[in-house]
Amino acid sequence: MKNILTLIVLTTSLLYSQQHQVGSTLLEEREVVNGLDVPWEIKWGPDNFIWVTERPGIISRVDVETGEKHVILDIQSSVWDSNEAGLLGMEIHPEFNNGSPYVFLAYTYLSGGAKEKIVCYEYDANSDQLINEVVLLDGLDGNSTHIGCRLLALDDLTMLITTGDAQDWDASQDLNELTGKTLRMSINTVDGTLGQVPDDNPFPGSLVWSWGHRNAQGLALGPNGIIYSSEHGPSNDDELNILTSGGNYGWPNVQGYCDNQWVDYYYAGDLSNSYTETDYCEDNNITDAIWSSGSSTIATSDIIWYDNSAIPEFEETLLMTVLKDKMLVRFILSEDANGEMEVDEYTEFFNNEWGRLRDICISPDGKIYLATNGYSWPSQGPNEIIELAPVNTSGIEIHHSPSKKLLHSLDLLGRKIDNQQSGFYINIYDNGLVEKQYKLD
């Protein structure tokens, strides 16, 4: 009796998918869905679908296997979509499958000028729709640029919210303003505190959790509860920061490290030849960045901690999507002599492969999903979600015999052969499946 060992190399197409080598790991690229209009946030959902926001005002659930898109909310009539503004960040309640089926959104709107709000929707599984909008925070100063806005739920049922400076950079240093900040609010839907200021926020009665930010668009929770944030600089000094309660990150007078280098004095109005960036840092107890892009920018977007062994080269590292320079960045971090995290290594991957990369999410089995955003600012569709899946290094997977109709078999030179003989050959089926097979006598 013959054993049949089968390797599936492609589904739904007669073209072989592209592969990418990362160290010793081979990643197979697959388009999950296309035709999206500036996907701004992608999340691996509690239903094993990808949940995605599109900047004009659409939220969908995407079947990862088929690419089928289920629109669950269309608020295009309410969203102000202009340049960088529109429907932006999304977060799914951490207790979604345990009695709190809620989704949080950030979007811009017009009301006597540009504004931004944070809202909560309930997911109704019967209708497959988001329903019953509850406004948690509105009236935030808005703009068509520098508008944030990334959301991150924490285990204590609070949520962090990054707000851009909305082109009023001095407001970033004003604790009475909510722009240019990281905000923290309760998302506890049981105890009646939803949307309220947590008691342990650093400034009593205020949503402000950290301040001195320009336009942070990335948030990630790493090991030991460390919160990382990526932030756009002006024409210099994109940043990676570790956020702490009450921390001041210095914008507009501090750009990148506290090092007196590449300071844009157009923004840094408190600095002069006799009062430097380092002077300001010392006088105001500024929290220094752990990485800066230096004299130019790359346009940092979202970040995520990769804690899966599926791609060993990325395991226990921070991954960042990049817009202007169109790539994925890996940060390897470690503790310094004082127990503080520092960047040991910065590595670029997939340069210019898919254009601007806006967001990233990870499946439970370690596959990477990337949301593309066109090739120029301020992003434009049509866009896609790309899957990067590690290829089985053994080269062989065992499958049951296919039930599809076999059209013909080819040898590795493309000649039709009898698939009953031993050796390698390629089966082509009527549903588009292409299968590489190896038979042993």
Protein backbone atom coordinates (compact mmCIF):
# COMPACT_ATOMS: atom_id res chain seq x y z
CA MET A 1 0.00 0.00 0.00
CA LYS A 2 1.34 3.42 -0.92
CA ASN A 3 1.66 6.26 1.60
CA ILE A 4 0.62 9.67 0.27
CA LEU A 5 2.50 12.66 1.66
CA THR A 6 1.02 15.96 0.48
CA LEU A 7 2.17 19.57 0.71
CA ILE A 8 -0.43 22.23 -0.02
CA VAL A 9 1.35 25.06 -1.77
CA LEU A 10 -1.52 27.23 -2.97
CA THR A 11 -5.30 27.55 -2.72
CA THR A 12 -7.88 29.47 -4.75
CA SER A 13 -5.40 30.44 -7.46
CA LEU A 14 -3.24 28.82 -10.10
CA LEU A 15 -0.41 31.27 -9.36
CA TYR A 16 2.20 30.46 -6.75
CA SER A 17 2.22 32.89 -3.83
CA GLN A 18 5.29 34.94 -3.02
CA GLN A 19 7.60 33.88 -0.24
CA HIS A 20 9.94 35.89 1.96
CA GLN A 21 12.97 34.70 3.89
CA VAL A 22 13.39 36.04 7.44
CA GLY A 23 16.52 34.50 8.92
CA SER A 24 15.99 30.76 8.72
CA THR A 25 12.19 31.09 8.52
CA LEU A 26 10.36 31.11 5.20
CA LEU A 27 7.16 33.17 5.21
CA GLU A 28 4.43 32.70 2.65
CA GLU A 29 2.55 35.82 1.57
CA ARG A 30 -1.20 35.65 0.93
CA GLU A 31 -3.69 38.41 0.24
CA VAL A 32 -6.58 38.04 2.67
CA VAL A 33 -8.80 40.81 1.29
CA ASN A 34 -8.43 43.75 -1.07
CA GLY A 35 -10.47 46.77 -2.12
CA LEU A 36 -10.31 48.38 1.34
CA ASP A 37 -10.36 52.16 1.74
CA VAL A 38 -7.46 53.09 4.06
CA PRO A 39 -7.74 50.36 6.73
CA TRP A 40 -6.57 52.14 9.88
CA GLU A 41 -6.95 49.49 12.57
CA ILE A 42 -6.89 45.72 12.34
CA LYS A 43 -7.50 43.49 15.36
CA TRP A 44 -7.59 39.73 15.70
CA GLY A 45 -11.16 39.36 16.89
CA PRO A 46 -12.70 37.14 19.57
CA ASP A 47 -14.42 35.21 16.75
CA ASN A 48 -11.14 34.49 14.92
CA PHE A 49 -12.02 37.02 12.23
CA ILE A 50 -10.00 40.17 11.59
CA TRP A 51 -11.88 43.27 12.65
CA VAL A 52 -10.95 46.34 10.61
CA THR A 53 -11.76 50.04 10.52
CA GLU A 54 -11.68 51.94 7.23
CA ARG A 55 -11.01 55.63 7.59
CA PRO A 56 -14.13 56.90 5.74
CA GLY A 57 -16.28 55.26 8.45
CA ILE A 58 -16.75 51.51 7.94
CA ILE A 59 -16.09 48.63 10.34
CA SER A 60 -16.01 45.05 9.12
CA ARG A 61 -15.30 41.51 10.20
CA VAL A 62 -13.14 39.71 7.65
CA ASP A 63 -13.07 35.93 7.32
CA VAL A 64 -9.34 35.19 7.22
CA GLU A 65 -9.75 32.01 5.18
CA THR A 66 -12.13 33.26 2.49
CA GLY A 67 -11.60 37.04 2.56
CA GLU A 68 -15.35 37.55 2.90
CA LYS A 69 -16.05 40.98 4.38
CA HIS A 70 -19.00 41.49 6.74
CA VAL A 71 -19.76 45.20 7.24
CA ILE A 72 -20.99 45.57 10.82
CA LEU A 73 -21.11 49.38 11.04
CA ASP A 74 -21.32 52.18 8.49
CA ILE A 75 -21.06 55.67 9.99
CA GLN A 76 -19.71 57.46 6.93
CA SER A 77 -22.43 60.08 7.27
CA SER A 78 -21.16 60.98 10.76
CA VAL A 79 -17.40 60.77 10.20
CA TRP A 80 -15.33 63.69 8.94
CA ASP A 81 -12.80 62.05 6.61
CA SER A 82 -10.08 64.50 5.60
CA ASN A 83 -6.34 63.92 5.16
CA GLU A 84 -5.35 62.02 8.33
CA ALA A 85 -8.74 62.43 10.04
CA GLY A 86 -11.64 59.99 9.95
CA LEU A 87 -12.50 56.70 11.65
CA LEU A 88 -9.27 55.77 13.36
CA GLY A 89 -8.57 53.51 16.36
CA MET A 90 -10.64 50.57 17.57
CA GLU A 91 -10.40 48.35 20.61
CA ILE A 92 -12.39 45.25 21.53
CA HIS A 93 -13.40 44.83 25.14
CA PRO A 94 -11.16 42.22 26.84
CA GLU A 95 -14.28 40.54 28.28
CA PHE A 96 -16.07 40.47 24.92
CA ASN A 97 -16.88 36.76 25.16
CA ASN A 98 -17.69 36.95 28.87
CA GLY A 99 -20.69 39.23 28.93
CA SER A 100 -19.21 42.50 27.64
CA PRO A 101 -19.54 42.41 23.82
CA TYR A 102 -18.41 46.00 23.37
CA VAL A 103 -16.20 47.76 20.83
CA PHE A 104 -14.57 51.16 21.28
CA LEU A 105 -13.91 53.59 18.43
CA ALA A 106 -12.25 56.95 17.82
CA TYR A 107 -13.39 59.20 14.99
CA THR A 108 -13.42 62.82 13.88
CA TYR A 109 -16.56 64.81 13.14
CA LEU A 110 -17.62 68.39 12.44
CA SER A 111 -19.33 70.51 15.10
CA GLY A 112 -18.30 74.14 14.95
CA GLY A 113 -15.03 72.94 13.49
CA ALA A 114 -13.14 69.66 13.59
CA LYS A 115 -13.65 67.56 16.71
CA GLU A 116 -12.82 64.05 17.86
CA LYS A 117 -14.80 61.62 20.00
CA ILE A 118 -14.43 58.25 21.71
CA VAL A 119 -17.49 56.01 21.59
CA CYS A 120 -18.63 52.54 22.60
CA TYR A 121 -20.83 50.18 20.59
CA GLU A 122 -22.46 46.88 21.52
CA TYR A 123 -22.04 43.96 19.14
CA ASP A 124 -25.32 42.17 18.38
CA ALA A 125 -24.47 38.66 17.21
CA ASN A 126 -27.96 37.98 15.85
CA SER A 127 -27.85 40.85 13.37
CA ASP A 128 -24.02 40.86 13.05
CA GLN A 129 -24.07 44.60 13.66
CA LEU A 130 -22.66 47.15 16.08
CA ILE A 131 -25.55 48.93 17.79
CA ASN A 132 -26.35 51.50 20.47
CA GLU A 133 -23.56 54.07 20.26
CA VAL A 134 -22.62 55.52 23.65
CA VAL A 135 -20.41 58.63 23.60
CA LEU A 136 -17.67 58.33 26.23
CA LEU A 137 -15.75 61.50 25.34
CA ASP A 138 -16.44 64.16 22.73
CA GLY A 139 -15.54 67.71 21.89
CA LEU A 140 -11.81 66.98 21.69
CA ASP A 141 -10.06 69.58 19.55
CA GLY A 142 -9.61 68.14 16.09
CA ASN A 143 -7.79 68.81 12.87
CA SER A 144 -7.23 67.14 9.52
CA THR A 145 -3.73 66.16 10.77
CA HIS A 146 -2.05 65.27 14.07
CA ILE A 147 -5.19 63.59 15.34
CA GLY A 148 -3.90 60.29 16.80
CA CYS A 149 -5.73 58.10 17.75
CA ARG A 150 -4.82 54.61 18.99
CA LEU A 151 -6.72 52.70 21.70
CA LEU A 152 -5.37 50.00 24.03
CA ALA A 153 -7.39 48.09 26.62
CA LEU A 154 -5.54 47.02 29.76
CA ASP A 155 -6.16 44.08 32.07
CA ASP A 156 -7.49 46.36 34.83
CA LEU A 157 -10.46 47.30 32.58
CA THR A 158 -9.10 50.71 31.72
CA MET A 159 -8.21 51.94 28.24
CA LEU A 160 -5.41 54.16 26.98
CA ILE A 161 -6.14 56.67 24.21
CA THR A 162 -3.51 58.61 22.27
CA THR A 163 -4.50 62.10 21.15
CA GLY A 164 -2.50 64.17 18.69
CA ASP A 165 -1.70 67.83 19.29
CA ALA A 166 -4.20 68.82 16.54
CA GLN A 167 -1.59 71.31 15.27
CA ASP A 168 -1.69 73.24 18.57
CA TRP A 169 1.64 71.99 19.83
CA ASP A 170 1.82 74.20 22.93
CA ALA A 171 -1.35 72.48 24.20
CA SER A 172 0.70 69.30 24.64
CA GLN A 173 2.29 70.91 27.72
CA ASP A 174 -1.05 72.19 29.10
CA LEU A 175 -2.58 69.73 31.56
CA ASN A 176 -5.95 71.43 31.14
CA GLU A 177 -6.07 70.34 27.50
CA LEU A 178 -6.68 66.75 26.33
CA THR A 179 -4.76 67.03 23.06
CA GLY A 180 -1.15 65.88 22.82
CA LYS A 181 -1.72 63.36 25.59
CA THR A 182 -2.27 59.74 26.47
CA LEU A 183 -5.64 59.50 28.19
CA ARG A 184 -6.84 56.72 30.49
CA MET A 185 -10.50 55.93 31.18
CA SER A 186 -12.49 53.12 32.71
CA ILE A 187 -14.08 50.58 30.39
CA ASN A 188 -15.69 48.61 33.20
CA THR A 189 -19.21 47.91 31.96
CA VAL A 190 -20.35 46.26 35.19
CA ASP A 191 -19.61 48.70 38.02
CA GLY A 192 -21.06 51.82 36.38
CA THR A 193 -17.73 53.57 35.77
CA LEU A 194 -17.62 53.21 31.96
CA GLY A 195 -15.98 56.30 30.49
CA GLN A 196 -15.06 57.78 33.85
CA VAL A 197 -11.68 58.87 35.23
CA PRO A 198 -10.02 56.02 37.16
CA ASP A 199 -9.27 56.84 40.80
CA ASP A 200 -5.56 56.08 40.33
CA ASN A 201 -4.96 58.40 37.38
CA PRO A 202 -1.96 60.66 38.10
CA PHE A 203 -3.93 63.93 38.04
CA PRO A 204 -7.11 63.70 40.17
CA GLY A 205 -10.28 64.13 38.16
CA SER A 206 -8.40 64.21 34.84
CA LEU A 207 -8.24 61.66 32.03
CA VAL A 208 -4.63 62.71 31.35
CA TRP A 209 -2.23 59.83 31.97
CA SER A 210 0.88 61.07 30.12
CA TRP A 211 1.60 64.32 28.32
CA GLY A 212 3.99 66.15 26.02
CA HIS A 213 3.11 64.12 22.90
CA ARG A 214 2.95 65.25 19.28
CA ASN A 215 1.05 62.51 17.43
CA ALA A 216 1.33 59.01 18.86
CA GLN A 217 -0.25 56.35 16.65
CA GLY A 218 1.05 53.15 18.19
CA LEU A 219 0.37 51.42 21.51
CA ALA A 220 1.46 47.96 22.64
CA LEU A 221 1.55 46.05 25.89
CA GLY A 222 4.78 44.13 26.42
CA PRO A 223 5.98 41.72 29.12
CA ASN A 224 5.86 42.86 32.74
CA GLY A 225 3.10 45.35 31.97
CA ILE A 226 5.39 47.70 30.03
CA ILE A 227 3.45 49.99 27.70
CA TYR A 228 5.19 51.04 24.49
CA SER A 229 4.15 53.94 22.29
CA SER A 230 5.32 55.03 18.82
CA GLU A 231 5.09 58.69 17.90
CA HIS A 232 5.48 60.82 14.77
CA GLY A 233 8.11 63.55 14.88
CA PRO A 234 8.03 66.76 12.80
CA SER A 235 10.73 66.47 10.11
CA ASN A 236 13.03 64.73 12.60
CA ASP A 237 12.90 62.40 15.58
CA ASP A 238 10.13 59.85 15.29
CA GLU A 239 10.08 58.19 18.70
CA LEU A 240 9.57 54.94 20.54
CA ASN A 241 8.64 55.55 24.18
CA ILE A 242 7.81 53.60 27.29
CA LEU A 243 4.76 55.23 28.81
CA THR A 244 4.47 55.76 32.55
CA SER A 245 1.73 57.32 34.62
CA GLY A 246 2.28 61.06 34.90
CA GLY A 247 5.23 61.09 32.50
CA ASN A 248 6.04 64.20 30.47
CA TYR A 249 7.59 63.35 27.07
CA GLY A 250 8.59 66.91 26.24
CA TRP A 251 6.97 67.88 22.94
CA PRO A 252 7.32 70.51 21.50
CA ASN A 253 10.55 71.49 23.27
CA VAL A 254 11.98 67.98 23.34
CA GLN A 255 12.21 66.07 20.05
CA GLY A 256 13.63 62.57 20.21
CA TYR A 257 16.32 62.13 22.83
CA CYS A 258 17.32 64.81 25.31
CA ASP A 259 20.50 65.46 23.33
CA ASN A 260 20.38 68.96 21.75
CA GLN A 261 20.46 67.40 18.28
CA TRP A 262 18.21 68.15 15.28
CA VAL A 263 15.91 70.42 17.30
CA ASP A 264 13.32 72.21 15.15
CA TYR A 265 13.10 75.61 16.85
CA TYR A 266 9.97 76.50 14.92
CA TYR A 267 8.13 74.29 17.40
CA ALA A 268 10.48 74.49 20.40
CA GLY A 269 9.51 78.00 21.41
CA ASP A 270 10.92 77.78 24.95
CA LEU A 271 14.44 76.97 23.76
CA SER A 272 17.24 79.30 22.76
CA ASN A 273 21.01 79.36 22.43
CA SER A 274 21.23 79.89 26.18
CA TYR A 275 18.46 77.47 27.19
CA THR A 276 18.83 74.10 25.46
CA GLU A 277 16.85 70.94 25.03
CA THR A 278 18.87 69.22 27.77
CA ASP A 279 18.25 72.17 30.11
CA TYR A 280 14.51 71.81 29.49
CA CYS A 281 14.69 68.06 30.12
CA GLU A 282 16.42 68.53 33.46
CA ASP A 283 14.11 71.34 34.62
CA ASN A 284 10.90 69.51 33.65
CA ASN A 285 11.78 65.90 34.53
CA ILE A 286 11.25 64.77 30.93
CA THR A 287 10.99 61.04 30.21
CA ASP A 288 13.50 60.27 27.49
CA ALA A 289 12.65 58.25 24.37
CA ILE A 290 14.19 54.79 24.10
CA TRP A 291 14.63 55.19 20.32
CA SER A 292 14.63 58.06 17.86
CA SER A 293 14.84 58.15 14.07
CA GLY A 294 17.29 61.05 14.33
CA SER A 295 17.68 63.73 11.66
CA SER A 296 14.83 62.44 9.47
CA THR A 297 11.54 60.59 9.92
CA ILE A 298 10.26 57.22 8.78
CA ALA A 299 6.59 57.84 9.81
CA THR A 300 6.02 55.33 12.59
CA SER A 301 2.57 53.78 12.80
CA ASP A 302 1.29 51.00 15.06
CA ILE A 303 3.30 48.53 17.16
CA ILE A 304 2.69 45.08 18.60
CA TRP A 305 4.59 42.70 20.86
CA TYR A 306 5.21 39.39 19.09
CA ASP A 307 5.09 36.69 21.77
CA ASN A 308 4.75 33.61 19.57
CA SER A 309 7.35 30.99 18.64
CA ALA A 310 5.99 30.48 15.11
CA ILE A 311 8.51 32.97 13.69
CA PRO A 312 11.58 32.59 15.94
CA GLU A 313 13.28 35.67 14.47
CA PHE A 314 10.42 37.83 15.79
CA GLU A 315 9.76 36.03 19.06
CA GLU A 316 9.71 38.36 22.11
CA THR A 317 10.35 41.47 20.01
CA LEU A 318 8.42 44.65 19.25
CA LEU A 319 7.23 45.05 15.65
CA MET A 320 6.39 48.42 14.12
CA THR A 321 4.58 49.22 10.89
CA VAL A 322 6.00 52.17 8.98
CA LEU A 323 4.21 54.50 6.57
CA LYS A 324 6.62 56.83 4.74
CA ASP A 325 9.51 54.38 4.54
CA LYS A 326 7.14 51.48 3.76
CA MET A 327 8.50 48.65 5.90
CA LEU A 328 8.22 46.59 9.07
CA VAL A 329 10.72 47.28 11.85
CA ARG A 330 11.82 44.87 14.57
CA PHE A 331 13.09 46.15 17.91
CA ILE A 332 15.04 43.80 20.15
CA LEU A 333 15.04 45.12 23.70
CA SER A 334 16.75 44.23 26.97
CA GLU A 335 17.27 45.64 30.46
CA ASP A 336 20.19 47.97 31.06
CA ALA A 337 22.28 48.05 34.25
CA ASN A 338 19.54 50.03 36.00
CA GLY A 339 16.79 47.59 35.05
CA GLU A 340 15.38 49.95 32.41
CA MET A 341 14.42 48.69 28.95
CA GLU A 342 16.60 49.79 26.07
CA VAL A 343 16.75 49.06 22.35
CA ASP A 344 19.55 46.63 21.49
CA GLU A 345 18.79 46.20 17.82
CA TYR A 346 16.74 47.91 15.09
CA THR A 347 16.15 45.88 11.91
CA GLU A 348 14.13 46.67 8.79
CA PHE A 349 12.11 44.07 6.86
CA PHE A 350 10.02 44.02 3.65
CA ASN A 351 11.19 47.41 2.42
CA ASN A 352 8.82 48.75 -0.25
CA GLU A 353 7.07 45.39 -0.64
CA TRP A 354 3.48 46.61 -0.19
CA GLY A 355 3.63 50.39 0.16
CA ARG A 356 2.68 52.21 3.35
CA LEU A 357 2.05 49.84 6.26
CA ARG A 358 -0.56 51.20 8.66
CA ASP A 359 -1.29 48.42 11.10
CA ILE A 360 -0.44 44.92 12.23
CA CYS A 361 -2.13 42.11 14.13
CA ILE A 362 -1.12 38.57 15.09
CA SER A 363 -3.20 35.40 15.04
CA PRO A 364 -3.02 32.97 17.97
CA ASP A 365 -0.86 30.63 15.86
CA GLY A 366 1.65 33.39 15.10
CA LYS A 367 0.70 34.50 11.59
CA ILE A 368 1.27 38.19 10.87
CA TYR A 369 -1.35 40.39 9.20
CA LEU A 370 -0.48 43.78 7.71
CA ALA A 371 -2.83 46.57 6.58
CA THR A 372 -1.54 48.52 3.59
CA ASN A 373 -2.30 52.21 2.93
CA GLY A 374 -1.21 53.09 -0.60
CA TYR A 375 2.06 54.70 -1.61
CA SER A 376 1.86 58.39 -0.63
CA TRP A 377 0.57 60.66 2.13
CA PRO A 378 -2.15 60.89 3.36
CA SER A 379 -2.85 57.30 2.22
CA GLN A 380 -5.35 56.19 -0.38
CA GLY A 381 -7.17 53.05 -1.42
CA PRO A 382 -7.62 50.50 -2.71
CA ASN A 383 -5.75 48.67 0.00
CA GLU A 384 -5.38 45.13 1.24
CA ILE A 385 -4.63 42.97 4.25
CA ILE A 386 -1.61 40.70 3.76
CA GLU A 387 -0.99 37.45 5.64
CA LEU A 388 2.55 36.25 6.35
CA ALA A 389 2.52 32.62 7.45
CA PRO A 390 5.56 30.52 8.34
CA VAL A 391 6.08 27.60 5.97
CA ASN A 392 6.46 24.21 7.58
CA THR A 393 10.22 23.70 7.58
CA SER A 394 9.83 19.94 7.17
CA GLY A 395 8.39 20.65 3.72
CA ILE A 396 5.76 17.94 4.22
CA GLU A 397 2.29 17.96 5.74
CA ILE A 398 0.02 14.97 5.91
CA HIS A 399 -3.48 15.46 4.48
CA HIS A 400 -6.42 13.30 3.63
CA SER A 401 -6.88 12.62 -0.06
CA PRO A 402 -8.69 15.60 -1.65
CA SER A 403 -12.35 15.27 -2.52
CA LYS A 404 -12.11 17.81 -5.37
CA LYS A 405 -12.04 16.68 -8.98
CA LEU A 406 -8.50 16.17 -10.26
CA LEU A 407 -7.96 17.81 -13.66
CA HIS A 408 -4.42 16.61 -14.32
CA SER A 409 -1.01 15.96 -12.77
CA LEU A 410 2.30 17.50 -13.84
CA ASP A 411 5.90 16.67 -13.15
CA LEU A 412 8.28 19.41 -11.97
CA LEU A 413 8.97 20.33 -15.60
CA GLY A 414 5.27 20.91 -16.30
CA ARG A 415 4.68 17.69 -18.31
CA LYS A 416 1.47 15.71 -17.81
CA ILE A 417 2.08 12.44 -16.00
CA ASP A 418 0.26 9.53 -14.37
CA ASN A 419 -0.13 10.44 -10.71
CA GLN A 420 0.07 6.79 -9.67
CA GLN A 421 3.81 6.69 -10.13
CA SER A 422 6.20 7.40 -7.28
CA GLY A 423 8.07 10.69 -6.81
CA PHE A 424 7.19 14.39 -6.81
CA TYR A 425 4.37 15.76 -8.94
CA ILE A 426 1.79 18.58 -8.95
CA ASN A 427 -1.96 17.96 -8.90
CA ILE A 428 -4.32 20.61 -10.30
CA TYR A 429 -8.00 20.47 -9.23
CA ASP A 430 -11.16 21.99 -10.64
CA ASN A 431 -11.58 24.42 -7.69
CA GLY A 432 -8.20 26.07 -8.32
CA LEU A 433 -6.31 24.10 -5.68
CA VAL A 434 -2.72 23.32 -6.61
CA GLU A 435 -1.11 20.55 -4.60
CA LYS A 436 2.44 19.29 -4.58
CA GLN A 437 2.56 15.60 -3.76
CA TYR A 438 5.22 13.02 -3.05
CA LYS A 439 4.44 9.33 -3.25
CA LEU A 440 6.55 6.58 -1.83
CA ASP A 441 6.29 2.93 -2.89
